[in-house]
């Protein structure tokens, strides 16, 4: 049987062929793409063999049955074909052709999934000799894996191994890694807070490699839910598409493009609505509005527009305020709220703490969100949880059609709320459970949470900074001055004795 450990060992060995030659932010695409091709090939081979037995070798019936499968890989696109040609001087081009054939044969689900990767790249591989050696080693490493469904230790191990590698690549990539991967524990917390239900539509407008989406989907009872996401970066979009496929979510709708300027969740000329929305958008995205400000756009007086105004957005997402050009946090929030189902919508988004208290237009937006009674909870997280940034983040939880106007504040940033790591802190299962239990109960806990009324928030001028509501100050123990004086006197006496002993030793030594 093939175990998760077996897959991880092969993946790391495959990485060794690239280390020192190509940066990990690039070679992850080659390694993970080859894992994907190996998986598709092995599944196809096993299915064909099963149909051959069922239909007694009748090729017509076998081919007809294969055409009804969720994907198809022809003989010249399989991993085995590439492995047999591993010594070919044009092996890089052969791999590219095979990937293009897989895309063409599965255009409904895998269109453009390999477009951002070039196994014949001179930029990445350098000279032909080096390139061919690396690719030959890569094929030989993966040839040791058997990914046929009947040989897998469990149904999830390929997807889990894929996710494991993405996490490790994200760690190596630093700040860049944080752009495509949300730490597993944070994803678990966010997904649990929104409590996905059967038949929910789940959406992540900045889905990265898809880990957060998958966490939410896995919490749907019986897996009866629909998954939607959008990602700007083409390479990360490809990672997400493959990630969904490897986790068995083959009907996911993952779009590529700018969610703010060009949202793809369009249905009947309107933005689609979702029961569950989760996201970890890029923190304080600069110039988020640049795509709206083309030269031919004018305001109501016919003058060229030099800054973002609500009327430039055809989807009417910024009627409650336009975020500053230098900080796109609330632009994503407003987009998500516009897409949130009016009756049962639940939403959780990871944001920097600045959104809680920054003024000007962001203050106006905060006021609107409180007055709409959509904001359900503000949860402060520990510092150094995310790849590439040590700043603490928070989670804002929203609900449409809430029966109350109060807001729960949770301060989960204390030293007892996480496990300290050498390079990165992490939330433990107990930490996640504590946050979720407190959120569910909506209760005030000394130095941890506070259920604030709408009036209290209004009196704080709509400032949502958690210390305004949750007092974590620890009073210092009262100092007994008399006892301190006694201790000083005792120490002075002891010092005098030591000094006298020292002088005696020095005298004996003639010093």
Protein backbone atom coordinates (compact mmCIF):
# COMPACT_ATOMS: atom_id res chain seq x y z
CA UNK A 1 0.00 0.00 0.00
CA UNK A 2 1.11 3.58 -0.67
CA UNK A 3 1.09 5.75 2.44
CA UNK A 4 1.21 9.51 2.89
CA UNK A 5 4.77 9.12 4.15
CA UNK A 6 5.73 7.28 0.96
CA UNK A 7 4.40 10.16 -1.14
CA UNK A 8 6.09 12.82 0.99
CA UNK A 9 9.44 11.04 0.77
CA UNK A 10 9.25 10.92 -3.02
CA UNK A 11 8.21 14.56 -3.16
CA UNK A 12 11.15 15.68 -1.03
CA UNK A 13 13.55 13.52 -3.07
CA UNK A 14 12.17 15.12 -6.22
CA UNK A 15 12.84 18.53 -4.73
CA UNK A 16 16.51 17.59 -4.25
CA UNK A 17 16.96 17.57 -8.03
CA UNK A 18 16.04 21.27 -8.13
CA UNK A 19 17.68 22.65 -4.99
CA UNK A 20 20.52 25.00 -5.77
CA UNK A 21 19.37 25.34 -9.37
CA UNK A 22 15.90 26.90 -9.12
CA UNK A 23 14.22 28.88 -6.32
CA UNK A 24 11.63 26.89 -4.35
CA UNK A 25 8.91 29.39 -5.31
CA UNK A 26 9.38 28.13 -8.88
CA UNK A 27 10.30 24.48 -8.58
CA UNK A 28 7.22 23.74 -6.45
CA UNK A 29 5.19 24.13 -9.66
CA UNK A 30 7.22 21.44 -11.45
CA UNK A 31 7.12 18.98 -8.56
CA UNK A 32 3.42 19.39 -7.77
CA UNK A 33 2.44 19.33 -11.45
CA UNK A 34 4.27 16.05 -11.92
CA UNK A 35 2.49 14.60 -8.87
CA UNK A 36 -0.79 15.62 -10.49
CA UNK A 37 0.11 13.99 -13.83
CA UNK A 38 1.21 10.80 -12.06
CA UNK A 39 -2.08 10.67 -10.17
CA UNK A 40 -4.22 11.22 -13.29
CA UNK A 41 -2.23 8.59 -15.17
CA UNK A 42 -2.46 5.92 -12.49
CA UNK A 43 -6.18 6.47 -11.95
CA UNK A 44 -6.80 6.28 -15.71
CA UNK A 45 -4.76 3.08 -16.05
CA UNK A 46 -6.62 1.34 -13.24
CA UNK A 47 -10.04 2.37 -14.53
CA UNK A 48 -9.18 1.14 -18.02
CA UNK A 49 -8.06 -2.22 -16.64
CA UNK A 50 -11.27 -2.57 -14.63
CA UNK A 51 -13.40 -1.80 -17.69
CA UNK A 52 -11.33 -4.24 -19.76
CA UNK A 53 -12.26 -7.03 -17.34
CA UNK A 54 -15.90 -5.93 -17.17
CA UNK A 55 -16.33 -5.76 -20.96
CA UNK A 56 -14.06 -8.69 -21.80
CA UNK A 57 -11.58 -6.58 -23.72
CA UNK A 58 -14.16 -4.95 -26.01
CA UNK A 59 -12.30 -1.73 -26.93
CA UNK A 60 -15.41 0.09 -28.14
CA UNK A 61 -17.24 -0.46 -24.86
CA UNK A 62 -14.08 0.30 -22.84
CA UNK A 63 -13.56 3.62 -24.66
CA UNK A 64 -17.22 4.52 -24.28
CA UNK A 65 -17.01 3.90 -20.52
CA UNK A 66 -13.77 5.87 -20.24
CA UNK A 67 -15.35 8.83 -22.02
CA UNK A 68 -17.89 9.09 -19.19
CA UNK A 69 -15.18 9.38 -16.52
CA UNK A 70 -14.46 12.71 -14.81
CA UNK A 71 -11.20 13.10 -16.73
CA UNK A 72 -9.27 11.44 -19.57
CA UNK A 73 -5.56 10.91 -20.29
CA UNK A 74 -4.54 9.41 -23.65
CA UNK A 75 -1.56 7.10 -24.23
CA UNK A 76 0.83 9.91 -25.23
CA UNK A 77 -0.02 12.03 -22.19
CA UNK A 78 0.50 9.49 -19.44
CA UNK A 79 3.28 9.53 -16.92
CA UNK A 80 4.41 6.10 -18.16
CA UNK A 81 4.83 7.50 -21.68
CA UNK A 82 6.96 10.35 -20.36
CA UNK A 83 8.97 8.00 -18.17
CA UNK A 84 9.69 5.72 -21.15
CA UNK A 85 10.97 8.81 -23.00
CA UNK A 86 13.01 10.21 -20.10
CA UNK A 87 16.27 9.95 -22.07
CA UNK A 88 14.85 11.83 -25.06
CA UNK A 89 16.92 15.00 -25.72
CA UNK A 90 13.62 16.88 -26.14
CA UNK A 91 12.00 15.52 -22.98
CA UNK A 92 11.10 19.03 -21.75
CA UNK A 93 9.06 19.68 -24.89
CA UNK A 94 7.49 16.23 -24.72
CA UNK A 95 6.26 16.97 -21.21
CA UNK A 96 4.85 20.32 -22.36
CA UNK A 97 2.99 18.64 -25.23
CA UNK A 98 1.60 15.98 -22.88
CA UNK A 99 0.34 18.64 -20.47
CA UNK A 100 -1.28 20.56 -23.33
CA UNK A 101 -3.04 17.36 -24.48
CA UNK A 102 -4.36 16.75 -20.95
CA UNK A 103 -5.74 20.31 -20.90
CA UNK A 104 -7.37 19.90 -24.33
CA UNK A 105 -8.90 16.54 -23.45
CA UNK A 106 -10.31 17.87 -20.17
CA UNK A 107 -11.00 21.47 -21.14
CA UNK A 108 -14.10 21.72 -18.99
CA UNK A 109 -12.19 21.12 -15.76
CA UNK A 110 -8.48 21.48 -16.44
CA UNK A 111 -8.38 24.27 -19.05
CA UNK A 112 -5.14 26.32 -18.69
CA UNK A 113 -4.13 24.55 -15.47
CA UNK A 114 -0.59 24.06 -16.82
CA UNK A 115 -0.30 27.34 -18.74
CA UNK A 116 2.03 28.98 -16.22
CA UNK A 117 4.61 26.19 -16.27
CA UNK A 118 7.21 25.39 -18.92
CA UNK A 119 9.22 22.18 -18.57
CA UNK A 120 11.38 23.42 -21.45
CA UNK A 121 12.27 26.76 -19.82
CA UNK A 122 15.79 28.02 -20.41
CA UNK A 123 15.23 30.66 -17.73
CA UNK A 124 14.60 28.06 -15.01
CA UNK A 125 16.80 25.18 -16.20
CA UNK A 126 19.63 26.82 -18.12
CA UNK A 127 21.42 24.67 -20.67
CA UNK A 128 19.83 21.62 -22.28
CA UNK A 129 22.12 19.10 -20.56
CA UNK A 130 21.25 20.36 -17.07
CA UNK A 131 17.54 20.56 -17.91
CA UNK A 132 17.40 17.00 -19.27
CA UNK A 133 19.23 15.63 -16.23
CA UNK A 134 16.85 17.35 -13.80
CA UNK A 135 13.75 16.18 -15.68
CA UNK A 136 15.07 12.63 -16.00
CA UNK A 137 15.66 12.51 -12.24
CA UNK A 138 12.20 13.94 -11.63
CA UNK A 139 10.54 11.22 -13.72
CA UNK A 140 12.63 8.50 -12.10
CA UNK A 141 11.69 9.72 -8.62
CA UNK A 142 7.96 9.67 -9.36
CA UNK A 143 8.15 6.29 -11.10
CA UNK A 144 8.61 4.75 -7.65
CA UNK A 145 5.09 5.82 -6.62
CA UNK A 146 1.97 3.78 -7.20
CA UNK A 147 -1.01 6.12 -6.98
CA UNK A 148 -3.69 3.74 -8.19
CA UNK A 149 -6.79 4.12 -5.97
CA UNK A 150 -6.66 0.44 -4.96
CA UNK A 151 -3.10 0.91 -3.69
CA UNK A 152 -3.68 4.04 -1.59
CA UNK A 153 -3.72 3.77 2.18
CA UNK A 154 -6.69 6.18 2.30
CA UNK A 155 -8.69 8.27 -0.11
CA UNK A 156 -7.26 11.59 1.14
CA UNK A 157 -3.55 10.84 1.27
CA UNK A 158 -2.62 12.35 -2.11
CA UNK A 159 -4.48 15.57 -1.42
CA UNK A 160 -3.07 15.70 2.11
CA UNK A 161 0.48 15.16 0.84
CA UNK A 162 -0.07 17.87 -1.77
CA UNK A 163 -1.27 20.27 0.93
CA UNK A 164 1.69 19.31 3.14
CA UNK A 165 4.12 20.24 0.39
CA UNK A 166 2.36 23.52 -0.32
CA UNK A 167 2.68 24.42 3.37
CA UNK A 168 6.39 23.64 3.36
CA UNK A 169 6.96 25.62 0.19
CA UNK A 170 5.04 28.53 1.72
CA UNK A 171 7.29 28.40 4.77
CA UNK A 172 10.41 28.51 2.59
CA UNK A 173 9.04 31.30 0.45
CA UNK A 174 8.51 33.70 3.39
CA UNK A 175 6.32 36.70 2.55
CA UNK A 176 5.60 35.38 -0.93
CA UNK A 177 4.45 32.09 0.59
CA UNK A 178 1.88 33.88 2.69
CA UNK A 179 0.23 35.06 -0.48
CA UNK A 180 -0.93 31.61 -1.49
CA UNK A 181 -1.27 29.65 1.74
CA UNK A 182 -3.17 30.13 5.01
CA UNK A 183 -1.78 28.10 7.95
CA UNK A 184 -3.79 24.96 8.56
CA UNK A 185 -4.83 25.90 12.11
CA UNK A 186 -6.10 29.33 11.07
CA UNK A 187 -8.07 27.73 8.23
CA UNK A 188 -9.56 25.25 10.69
CA UNK A 189 -10.66 28.09 12.99
CA UNK A 190 -12.19 30.18 10.19
CA UNK A 191 -14.02 27.19 8.70
CA UNK A 192 -15.42 26.14 12.08
CA UNK A 193 -16.69 29.65 12.86
CA UNK A 194 -18.89 29.75 9.73
CA UNK A 195 -20.32 26.26 10.40
CA UNK A 196 -21.06 25.09 6.80
CA UNK A 197 -24.34 23.24 6.31
CA UNK A 198 -25.69 20.80 3.78
CA UNK A 199 -26.27 22.34 0.32
CA UNK A 200 -24.37 25.53 1.20
CA UNK A 201 -22.51 27.38 -1.50
CA UNK A 202 -19.01 28.18 -0.20
CA UNK A 203 -16.92 31.01 -1.66
CA UNK A 204 -13.40 32.38 -1.21
CA UNK A 205 -12.67 35.45 -3.37
CA UNK A 206 -8.90 35.26 -2.71
CA UNK A 207 -8.55 31.51 -2.53
CA UNK A 208 -4.77 31.08 -2.98
CA UNK A 209 -3.95 27.37 -3.18
CA UNK A 210 -7.41 26.51 -1.84
CA UNK A 211 -6.64 25.27 1.67
CA UNK A 212 -9.22 27.47 3.38
CA UNK A 213 -11.91 26.52 0.86
CA UNK A 214 -11.20 22.83 1.39
CA UNK A 215 -11.37 23.18 5.18
CA UNK A 216 -14.81 24.75 4.88
CA UNK A 217 -16.00 22.18 2.35
CA UNK A 218 -14.91 19.25 4.53
CA UNK A 219 -17.19 20.52 7.30
CA UNK A 220 -20.31 20.23 5.12
CA UNK A 221 -22.33 17.19 6.29
CA UNK A 222 -22.07 14.44 3.73
CA UNK A 223 -19.97 16.62 1.44
CA UNK A 224 -23.16 18.03 -0.10
CA UNK A 225 -21.95 21.51 -0.85
CA UNK A 226 -20.67 23.57 -3.77
CA UNK A 227 -17.25 25.23 -3.89
CA UNK A 228 -16.39 28.52 -5.60
CA UNK A 229 -13.21 30.58 -5.57
CA UNK A 230 -11.19 33.18 -7.44
CA UNK A 231 -7.44 33.77 -7.48
CA UNK A 232 -5.46 36.49 -9.25
CA UNK A 233 -2.07 34.77 -9.62
CA UNK A 234 -2.12 32.27 -12.50
CA UNK A 235 0.40 29.88 -10.92
CA UNK A 236 -1.44 29.87 -7.59
CA UNK A 237 -4.76 29.41 -9.41
CA UNK A 238 -3.30 26.30 -11.03
CA UNK A 239 -2.17 25.00 -7.62
CA UNK A 240 -5.70 25.52 -6.31
CA UNK A 241 -7.34 23.78 -9.26
CA UNK A 242 -5.08 20.76 -8.84
CA UNK A 243 -5.56 20.83 -5.06
CA UNK A 244 -9.33 20.61 -5.47
CA UNK A 245 -9.00 17.75 -7.93
CA UNK A 246 -6.65 15.77 -5.69
CA UNK A 247 -9.05 16.18 -2.75
CA UNK A 248 -11.93 14.80 -4.79
CA UNK A 249 -13.70 18.15 -5.25
CA UNK A 250 -13.88 17.81 -9.03
CA UNK A 251 -16.88 20.11 -9.55
CA UNK A 252 -15.32 23.16 -7.88
CA UNK A 253 -15.57 26.45 -9.79
CA UNK A 254 -12.19 28.15 -9.45
CA UNK A 255 -11.81 31.31 -11.52
CA UNK A 256 -8.67 33.23 -12.35
CA UNK A 257 -8.58 37.02 -12.30
CA UNK A 258 -8.84 40.17 -10.19
CA UNK A 259 -11.76 39.70 -7.80
CA UNK A 260 -12.21 43.43 -7.16
CA UNK A 261 -11.92 44.74 -10.71
CA UNK A 262 -13.28 41.69 -12.51
CA UNK A 263 -15.30 39.35 -10.27
CA UNK A 264 -16.16 36.06 -11.98
CA UNK A 265 -18.99 35.02 -9.66
CA UNK A 266 -21.64 36.34 -12.05
CA UNK A 267 -25.07 34.77 -12.46
CA UNK A 268 -27.98 36.35 -14.36
CA UNK A 269 -26.06 39.64 -14.64
CA UNK A 270 -25.69 39.85 -10.87
CA UNK A 271 -23.10 38.78 -8.33
CA UNK A 272 -23.79 35.26 -7.11
CA UNK A 273 -24.77 34.93 -3.48
CA UNK A 274 -23.27 32.39 -1.08
CA UNK A 275 -24.31 30.97 2.28
CA UNK A 276 -20.68 30.75 3.41
CA UNK A 277 -17.82 33.12 2.57
CA UNK A 278 -14.28 32.67 3.91
CA UNK A 279 -11.11 34.53 3.00
CA UNK A 280 -7.61 35.57 3.94
CA UNK A 281 -7.09 38.48 1.52
CA UNK A 282 -3.70 40.10 0.97
CA UNK A 283 -3.12 42.47 3.89
CA UNK A 284 -3.58 46.18 3.10
CA UNK A 285 -3.27 45.75 -0.67
CA UNK A 286 -1.87 48.94 -2.21
CA UNK A 287 -3.47 50.45 -5.35
CA UNK A 288 -6.33 47.98 -5.26
CA UNK A 289 -8.43 50.47 -7.22
CA UNK A 290 -6.01 51.02 -10.11
CA UNK A 291 -8.01 48.85 -12.53
CA UNK A 292 -11.05 51.08 -11.99
CA UNK A 293 -9.19 54.29 -12.87
CA UNK A 294 -8.67 54.10 -16.63
CA UNK A 295 -8.10 57.29 -18.55
CA UNK A 296 -11.49 57.45 -20.20
CA UNK A 297 -13.50 57.38 -16.96
CA UNK A 298 -15.16 60.59 -15.83
CA UNK A 299 -17.31 61.70 -12.93
CA UNK A 300 -20.86 63.06 -13.09
CA UNK A 301 -19.48 66.47 -14.17
CA UNK A 302 -17.50 65.00 -17.04
CA UNK A 303 -14.10 65.44 -15.36
CA UNK A 304 -11.50 62.64 -15.42
CA UNK A 305 -11.63 60.53 -12.29
CA UNK A 306 -8.40 60.52 -10.31
CA UNK A 307 -9.59 58.53 -7.35
CA UNK A 308 -12.04 55.73 -6.79
CA UNK A 309 -15.69 56.66 -6.44
CA UNK A 310 -18.68 54.32 -5.87
CA UNK A 311 -20.18 54.89 -9.33
CA UNK A 312 -17.13 53.34 -11.03
CA UNK A 313 -18.10 49.93 -9.68
CA UNK A 314 -20.91 48.42 -11.75
CA UNK A 315 -21.72 46.00 -8.93
CA UNK A 316 -22.45 48.75 -6.39
CA UNK A 317 -20.16 47.28 -3.72
CA UNK A 318 -18.88 50.55 -2.27
CA UNK A 319 -22.07 52.40 -1.38
CA UNK A 320 -21.08 52.27 2.32
CA UNK A 321 -17.73 53.89 1.59
CA UNK A 322 -14.65 53.62 -0.61
CA UNK A 323 -11.53 52.25 1.10
CA UNK A 324 -8.29 54.21 0.69
CA UNK A 325 -6.26 53.36 -2.38
CA UNK A 326 -3.31 52.30 -0.21
CA UNK A 327 -5.28 49.79 1.87
CA UNK A 328 -7.60 47.35 0.14
CA UNK A 329 -8.74 45.41 3.22
CA UNK A 330 -12.27 46.78 3.29
CA UNK A 331 -12.56 46.54 -0.49
CA UNK A 332 -12.48 42.77 -0.10
CA UNK A 333 -14.81 42.89 2.90
CA UNK A 334 -17.39 44.94 1.00
CA UNK A 335 -17.17 42.63 -2.00
CA UNK A 336 -17.72 39.60 0.23
CA UNK A 337 -20.66 41.17 2.02
CA UNK A 338 -22.25 42.00 -1.32
CA UNK A 339 -22.01 38.30 -2.20
CA UNK A 340 -23.33 37.07 1.14
CA UNK A 341 -26.77 35.49 1.20
CA UNK A 342 -29.24 37.92 2.75
CA UNK A 343 -31.05 35.31 4.84
CA UNK A 344 -28.48 32.77 6.02
CA UNK A 345 -25.09 34.17 5.03
CA UNK A 346 -22.11 33.58 7.35
CA UNK A 347 -18.71 35.04 6.67
CA UNK A 348 -15.28 35.01 8.35
CA UNK A 349 -12.31 36.97 7.04
CA UNK A 350 -8.72 37.30 8.26
CA UNK A 351 -7.50 40.90 8.34
CA UNK A 352 -4.76 43.06 9.89
CA UNK A 353 -5.61 44.84 13.14
CA UNK A 354 -5.55 48.22 11.42
CA UNK A 355 -9.07 47.67 10.07
CA UNK A 356 -10.37 47.89 13.64
CA UNK A 357 -9.33 51.47 14.30
CA UNK A 358 -8.01 53.30 11.21
CA UNK A 359 -9.95 56.49 10.52
CA UNK A 360 -11.20 58.46 7.51
CA UNK A 361 -13.08 56.34 4.95
CA UNK A 362 -12.39 53.11 6.85
CA UNK A 363 -14.04 54.63 9.93
CA UNK A 364 -17.09 55.44 7.82
CA UNK A 365 -17.24 51.84 6.56
CA UNK A 366 -16.93 50.45 10.10
CA UNK A 367 -19.81 52.63 11.21
CA UNK A 368 -21.98 51.34 8.36
CA UNK A 369 -21.18 47.70 9.15
CA UNK A 370 -22.12 48.18 12.80
CA UNK A 371 -25.30 50.04 11.94
CA UNK A 372 -26.30 47.33 9.48
CA UNK A 373 -25.87 44.88 12.41
CA UNK A 374 -23.86 42.54 10.17
CA UNK A 375 -20.74 42.40 12.33
CA UNK A 376 -21.06 39.45 14.70
CA UNK A 377 -17.62 39.08 16.30
CA UNK A 378 -14.08 40.47 16.37
CA UNK A 379 -11.41 37.92 17.27
CA UNK A 380 -7.80 38.93 17.93
CA UNK A 381 -5.18 36.31 17.01
CA UNK A 382 -1.62 35.83 18.29
CA UNK A 383 1.33 37.38 16.48
CA UNK A 384 3.54 35.43 14.08
CA UNK A 385 0.95 32.91 12.89
CA UNK A 386 1.29 33.67 9.19
CA UNK A 387 4.06 33.08 6.68
CA UNK A 388 5.97 36.21 5.79
CA UNK A 389 4.62 38.52 8.47
CA UNK A 390 4.91 38.65 12.24
CA UNK A 391 2.08 41.12 12.73
CA UNK A 392 -0.96 39.94 14.66
CA UNK A 393 -4.15 39.52 12.69
CA UNK A 394 -7.81 39.37 13.55
CA UNK A 395 -10.87 37.56 12.28
CA UNK A 396 -14.06 39.48 11.58
CA UNK A 397 -17.19 37.34 11.60
CA UNK A 398 -20.31 38.59 9.82
CA UNK A 399 -23.85 37.30 9.63
CA UNK A 400 -26.77 38.55 7.61
CA UNK A 401 -30.21 38.71 9.23
CA UNK A 402 -28.85 38.59 12.79
CA UNK A 403 -31.44 38.59 15.62
CA UNK A 404 -29.21 40.85 17.74
CA UNK A 405 -27.07 43.96 17.40
CA UNK A 406 -24.41 43.13 19.97
CA UNK A 407 -20.81 42.31 18.99
CA UNK A 408 -18.60 39.74 20.67
CA UNK A 409 -14.95 40.67 21.18
CA UNK A 410 -12.40 37.91 21.85
CA UNK A 411 -8.75 38.50 22.70
CA UNK A 412 -6.99 35.24 21.82
CA UNK A 413 -3.53 36.81 21.57
CA UNK A 414 -2.29 36.04 25.08
CA UNK A 415 0.63 33.75 25.85
CA UNK A 416 -1.76 31.04 27.01
CA UNK A 417 -3.64 31.08 23.68
CA UNK A 418 -1.03 29.54 21.37
CA UNK A 419 2.04 27.37 21.13
CA UNK A 420 5.29 29.24 20.57
CA UNK A 421 7.46 27.98 17.72
CA UNK A 422 11.02 28.67 16.72
CA UNK A 423 10.06 30.53 13.55
CA UNK A 424 6.30 30.61 13.72
CA UNK A 425 3.60 30.32 16.36
CA UNK A 426 0.61 28.00 15.96
CA UNK A 427 -2.87 27.53 17.36
CA UNK A 428 -3.43 24.26 19.21
CA UNK A 429 -6.67 22.30 19.00
CA UNK A 430 -7.48 23.45 22.54
CA UNK A 431 -6.95 27.09 21.52
CA UNK A 432 -9.29 26.71 18.54
CA UNK A 433 -11.92 24.97 20.69
CA UNK A 434 -11.72 27.73 23.31
CA UNK A 435 -12.34 30.44 20.71
CA UNK A 436 -15.17 28.55 19.02
CA UNK A 437 -16.87 27.66 22.31
CA UNK A 438 -16.73 31.27 23.44
CA UNK A 439 -18.06 32.49 20.11
CA UNK A 440 -20.90 29.97 20.15
CA UNK A 441 -21.89 30.80 23.73
CA UNK A 442 -21.46 34.56 23.14
CA UNK A 443 -20.36 35.05 26.71
CA UNK A 444 -18.13 37.48 28.55
CA UNK A 445 -15.06 35.85 30.10
CA UNK A 446 -12.68 37.85 32.27
CA UNK A 447 -9.58 38.90 30.32
CA UNK A 448 -10.63 36.88 27.26
CA UNK A 449 -13.96 38.06 25.82
CA UNK A 450 -16.63 40.72 26.10
CA UNK A 451 -20.13 40.94 24.64
CA UNK A 452 -20.55 44.61 23.76
CA UNK A 453 -23.84 46.29 23.03
CA UNK A 454 -24.29 48.36 19.90
CA UNK A 455 -24.55 51.43 22.13
CA UNK A 456 -21.14 50.72 23.67
CA UNK A 457 -19.58 50.49 20.22
CA UNK A 458 -21.29 53.73 19.20
CA UNK A 459 -19.95 55.43 22.34
CA UNK A 460 -16.48 54.30 21.30
CA UNK A 461 -17.01 56.11 17.98
CA UNK A 462 -17.22 52.73 16.18
CA UNK A 463 -13.64 51.94 17.11
CA UNK A 464 -13.34 48.14 17.24
CA UNK A 465 -9.89 47.91 18.81
CA UNK A 466 -10.17 44.89 21.09
CA UNK A 467 -8.45 46.38 24.22
CA UNK A 468 -11.26 48.92 24.39
CA UNK A 469 -13.61 46.08 25.25
CA UNK A 470 -11.50 43.23 26.67
CA UNK A 471 -9.33 44.28 29.61
CA UNK A 472 -6.31 41.99 29.79
CA UNK A 473 -4.37 44.16 32.23
CA UNK A 474 -2.82 42.16 35.05
CA UNK A 475 -2.55 44.13 38.28
CA UNK A 476 0.89 44.06 39.78
CA UNK A 477 1.19 42.56 43.20
CA UNK A 478 1.24 45.23 45.92
CA UNK A 479 4.75 45.85 47.23
CA UNK A 480 5.35 45.65 50.98
CA UNK A 481 7.84 48.49 51.53
CA UNK A 482 8.59 47.45 55.11
CA UNK A 483 9.40 43.90 53.96
CA UNK A 484 11.64 45.27 51.19
CA UNK A 485 13.58 47.35 53.79
CA UNK A 486 14.01 44.28 55.98
CA UNK A 487 15.30 42.24 53.01
CA UNK A 488 17.79 44.99 52.11
CA UNK A 489 19.06 45.14 55.69
CA UNK A 490 19.46 41.36 55.77
CA UNK A 491 21.35 41.35 52.49
CA UNK A 492 23.65 44.12 53.73
CA UNK A 493 24.44 42.06 56.84
CA UNK A 494 25.18 38.99 54.71
CA UNK A 495 27.36 41.09 52.41
CA UNK A 496 29.32 42.41 55.39
CA UNK A 497 30.01 38.85 56.57
CA UNK A 498 31.17 37.79 53.10
CA UNK A 499 33.34 40.89 52.77
CA UNK A 500 34.98 40.19 56.15
CA UNK A 501 35.67 36.58 55.10
CA UNK A 502 37.14 37.78 51.83
CA UNK A 503 39.43 40.24 53.62
CA UNK A 504 40.67 37.41 55.87
CA UNK A 505 41.57 35.27 52.83
CA UNK A 506 43.38 38.16 51.19
CA UNK A 507 45.34 38.81 54.40
CA UNK A 508 46.45 35.17 54.58
CA UNK A 509 47.63 35.40 50.95
CA UNK A 510 49.60 38.58 51.79
CA UNK A 511 47.53 40.67 49.42
